[in-house]
Protein backbone atom coordinates (compact mmCIF):
# COMPACT_ATOMS: atom_id res chain seq x y z
CA MET A 1 -76.31 -123.86 -110.54
CA THR A 2 -79.55 -122.96 -108.30
CA GLY A 3 -81.63 -124.87 -105.62
CA PRO A 4 -80.96 -126.72 -102.97
CA ALA A 5 -76.95 -127.18 -103.87
CA ALA A 6 -76.10 -123.65 -104.58
CA ALA A 7 -77.66 -122.64 -101.16
CA LEU A 8 -75.71 -125.47 -99.65
CA ARG A 9 -72.56 -124.36 -101.37
CA GLU A 10 -73.00 -120.37 -100.56
CA SER A 11 -73.88 -121.65 -96.48
CA ALA A 12 -70.61 -123.32 -96.51
CA TRP A 13 -68.69 -120.62 -98.19
CA THR A 14 -70.62 -118.10 -95.42
CA THR A 15 -69.22 -120.51 -92.72
CA ARG A 16 -66.06 -120.79 -93.98
CA TRP A 17 -65.11 -117.32 -94.54
CA ILE A 18 -67.24 -114.75 -93.47
CA ARG A 19 -67.93 -115.60 -89.75
CA PRO A 20 -64.06 -115.72 -89.29
CA ALA A 21 -63.86 -112.18 -90.30
CA GLY A 22 -66.27 -110.91 -88.33
CA TYR A 23 -64.54 -112.45 -85.50
CA VAL A 24 -61.64 -110.94 -86.56
CA LEU A 25 -62.89 -107.34 -86.90
CA THR A 26 -64.64 -107.25 -83.28
CA ALA A 27 -61.63 -108.59 -81.81
CA ALA A 28 -59.66 -105.87 -84.04
CA ALA A 29 -62.00 -103.40 -83.02
CA THR A 30 -62.14 -104.14 -79.26
CA ALA A 31 -58.35 -104.01 -79.25
CA PHE A 32 -58.28 -100.61 -80.73
CA LEU A 33 -61.28 -99.60 -78.34
CA CYS A 34 -58.76 -100.95 -75.49
CA LEU A 35 -56.04 -98.96 -77.08
CA SER A 36 -57.59 -95.80 -77.54
CA LEU A 37 -59.09 -95.96 -73.68
CA TRP A 38 -55.30 -96.79 -72.40
CA SER A 39 -53.88 -94.19 -74.30
CA LEU A 40 -57.02 -91.88 -73.01
CA ILE A 41 -56.30 -92.33 -69.23
CA GLN A 42 -52.01 -92.12 -69.86
CA SER A 43 -52.73 -88.51 -71.48
CA GLY A 44 -53.92 -87.12 -68.10
CA ARG A 45 -50.49 -88.23 -66.22
CA GLY A 46 -47.52 -85.99 -68.42
CA ALA A 47 -46.02 -82.97 -67.81
CA ASP A 48 -49.11 -80.71 -68.09
CA HIS A 49 -51.16 -82.73 -65.61
CA ASP A 50 -48.41 -81.79 -63.23
CA LEU A 51 -48.46 -78.10 -64.40
CA ALA A 52 -51.93 -77.98 -64.13
CA ALA A 53 -52.45 -79.82 -60.65
CA ALA A 54 -49.92 -77.14 -59.25
CA ARG A 55 -51.47 -74.31 -61.01
CA ASP A 56 -55.02 -75.29 -59.22
CA GLU A 57 -52.66 -75.64 -55.88
CA VAL A 58 -51.60 -72.36 -56.36
CA SER A 59 -55.05 -70.94 -57.19
CA ARG A 60 -56.73 -72.78 -54.33
CA THR A 61 -54.07 -71.29 -51.69
CA ALA A 62 -54.54 -68.17 -53.17
CA VAL A 63 -58.16 -67.64 -52.89
CA ARG A 64 -57.99 -68.91 -48.88
CA ASP A 65 -55.38 -66.61 -48.11
CA LEU A 66 -56.48 -63.83 -49.47
CA THR A 67 -60.19 -64.19 -48.27
CA LEU A 68 -57.92 -64.54 -44.98
CA LEU A 69 -56.17 -61.52 -45.12
CA ASN A 70 -59.02 -59.34 -46.40
CA SER A 71 -61.45 -60.96 -42.90
CA VAL A 72 -61.08 -59.72 -39.66
CA ASP A 73 -63.45 -60.20 -36.68
CA PRO A 74 -62.84 -57.66 -34.28
CA LYS A 75 -64.20 -60.41 -31.34
CA VAL A 76 -61.54 -62.56 -32.17
CA ALA A 77 -58.86 -60.07 -33.95
CA GLU A 78 -55.81 -61.67 -32.39
CA LEU A 79 -56.53 -65.07 -33.83
CA ASP A 80 -57.09 -63.29 -37.11
CA LEU A 81 -53.74 -61.67 -37.05
CA ALA A 82 -52.11 -64.63 -36.28
CA HIS A 83 -53.62 -66.47 -38.72
CA TRP A 84 -52.16 -63.56 -41.20
CA LEU A 85 -48.73 -64.40 -39.92
CA ASP A 86 -49.66 -68.27 -40.88
CA VAL A 87 -49.98 -67.72 -44.44
CA ALA A 88 -47.08 -64.84 -45.03
CA THR A 89 -44.01 -65.53 -45.74
CA GLY A 90 -40.22 -63.85 -46.72
CA PRO A 91 -40.76 -59.76 -46.71
CA PHE A 92 -44.37 -59.60 -46.13
CA HIS A 93 -44.50 -61.75 -42.87
CA ASP A 94 -41.62 -59.63 -41.80
CA ALA A 95 -44.09 -56.55 -42.61
CA LEU A 96 -47.24 -57.90 -41.12
CA LYS A 97 -45.12 -58.66 -38.37
CA ARG A 98 -43.77 -54.94 -37.99
CA ASP A 99 -47.46 -53.87 -38.22
CA MET A 100 -48.94 -55.77 -35.59
CA PRO A 101 -49.09 -53.14 -32.59
CA ALA A 102 -50.93 -50.83 -34.85
CA ALA A 103 -53.05 -53.55 -36.60
CA ARG A 104 -54.29 -54.71 -32.94
CA ALA A 105 -55.15 -51.15 -32.24
CA ARG A 106 -56.99 -50.36 -35.09
CA PHE A 107 -59.42 -53.84 -35.00
CA GLY A 108 -59.48 -52.83 -30.99
CA LYS A 109 -61.55 -50.05 -32.37
CA GLN A 110 -63.63 -51.86 -35.28
CA LYS A 111 -67.06 -52.75 -34.29
CA ALA A 112 -68.27 -55.00 -37.35
CA ALA A 113 -66.55 -57.40 -38.99
CA SER A 114 -65.43 -57.79 -42.57
CA HIS A 115 -65.26 -60.59 -44.83
CA GLY A 116 -63.25 -60.79 -47.91
CA ARG A 117 -64.14 -63.09 -50.79
CA VAL A 118 -62.03 -63.80 -54.24
CA THR A 119 -64.57 -63.05 -56.89
CA ALA A 120 -62.02 -63.61 -59.78
CA LEU A 121 -58.20 -65.05 -59.97
CA ALA A 122 -55.76 -65.90 -62.34
CA VAL A 123 -52.16 -67.12 -61.79
CA THR A 124 -50.20 -65.46 -63.88
CA SER A 125 -46.80 -66.96 -64.12
CA LEU A 126 -45.51 -70.38 -62.36
CA ASP A 127 -42.01 -71.48 -61.62
CA ARG A 128 -42.47 -75.14 -59.72
CA SER A 129 -38.84 -75.92 -60.09
CA ALA A 130 -38.54 -72.25 -58.39
CA GLY A 131 -41.42 -72.52 -56.01
CA GLU A 132 -42.90 -69.14 -57.54
CA ALA A 133 -46.06 -68.14 -58.76
CA THR A 134 -47.71 -64.85 -59.33
CA VAL A 135 -51.60 -64.04 -59.42
CA ILE A 136 -53.88 -61.62 -59.59
CA ALA A 137 -57.07 -61.30 -57.98
CA SER A 138 -60.02 -59.25 -57.52
CA VAL A 139 -61.81 -59.28 -53.91
CA ARG A 140 -64.82 -58.05 -52.64
CA VAL A 141 -64.67 -56.91 -48.96
CA ARG A 142 -68.33 -56.45 -47.27
CA THR A 143 -68.46 -55.42 -43.81
CA ASP A 144 -71.03 -56.34 -41.57
CA PRO A 145 -73.68 -53.13 -40.64
CA SER A 146 -73.36 -51.75 -36.99
CA GLY A 147 -74.78 -49.32 -34.78
CA GLU A 148 -76.64 -47.20 -36.15
CA ALA A 149 -76.03 -48.12 -39.90
CA ALA A 150 -79.13 -50.24 -41.42
CA GLU A 151 -76.38 -51.31 -44.08
CA GLY A 152 -72.69 -52.41 -44.29
CA THR A 153 -70.63 -51.40 -46.89
CA GLU A 154 -68.52 -53.13 -49.40
CA GLN A 155 -65.27 -52.05 -50.91
CA ARG A 156 -63.59 -54.12 -54.47
CA LYS A 157 -59.80 -54.36 -54.15
CA ARG A 158 -57.53 -55.75 -56.27
CA TYR A 159 -54.24 -57.48 -56.24
CA GLU A 160 -50.70 -58.75 -57.83
CA VAL A 161 -49.97 -61.64 -54.87
CA GLY A 162 -46.62 -63.53 -55.00
CA MET A 163 -46.73 -66.79 -54.06
CA ARG A 164 -43.90 -68.62 -52.67
CA ARG A 165 -43.48 -72.50 -51.92
CA VAL A 166 -42.06 -72.83 -48.48
CA GLY A 167 -41.70 -76.82 -46.94
CA GLY A 168 -43.99 -77.81 -49.70
CA VAL A 169 -46.95 -75.16 -48.89
CA TRP A 170 -47.74 -72.27 -50.80
CA LYS A 171 -47.70 -69.09 -48.94
CA VAL A 172 -47.88 -65.04 -49.90
CA GLY A 173 -44.66 -63.63 -50.36
CA SER A 174 -45.86 -60.13 -51.70
CA LEU A 175 -49.62 -58.42 -51.75
CA LYS A 176 -49.31 -55.17 -53.81
CA PRO A 177 -52.40 -53.67 -54.77
CA LEU A 178 -53.39 -52.63 -58.22
CA SER A 179 -55.16 -49.49 -59.21
CA PRO A 180 -58.35 -50.45 -61.48
CA GLY A 181 -56.71 -50.02 -64.70
CA GLY A 182 -54.47 -53.15 -63.56
CA SER A 183 -51.17 -50.96 -62.90
CA ARG A 184 -50.02 -50.47 -59.76
CA PRO A 185 -50.66 -47.16 -57.42
């Protein structure tokens, strides 16, 4: 059969089978896309996400606290020392508190401000249930020029920092200097 009758029969077959099949395939593809998007959204809400969020919180806190602990402005040294105590906990806090009179005397003689900046940091261990973390960090401490000095000075320091969660806030529990090779001096 050729001609108009065959074209009409082919057109009826196309309308009856091909179009509905296209609709079914489009609906299946849409459903697959929706399920894929839902799965992608849910994948960011598991235990790995919670661990990453805790690690990020420890990192942010350690950067802020190390910057603070390596900075002092003699004009507001008393305030800086108070902030040091605010970010410390445990034996480290006690040691800072014991050293306050000597620190006040040291900073009273200091003429130039020093500014710490964390240049690298890594969380090496994290125990969320115990509220403990260990961080290693590299800090650059720049001292402003003072008096006749045309240029300031710069020091590089490395630390192993023990972080502890106290009342939902991470604080510095220990601060150990590291030698350039990575071991403790």
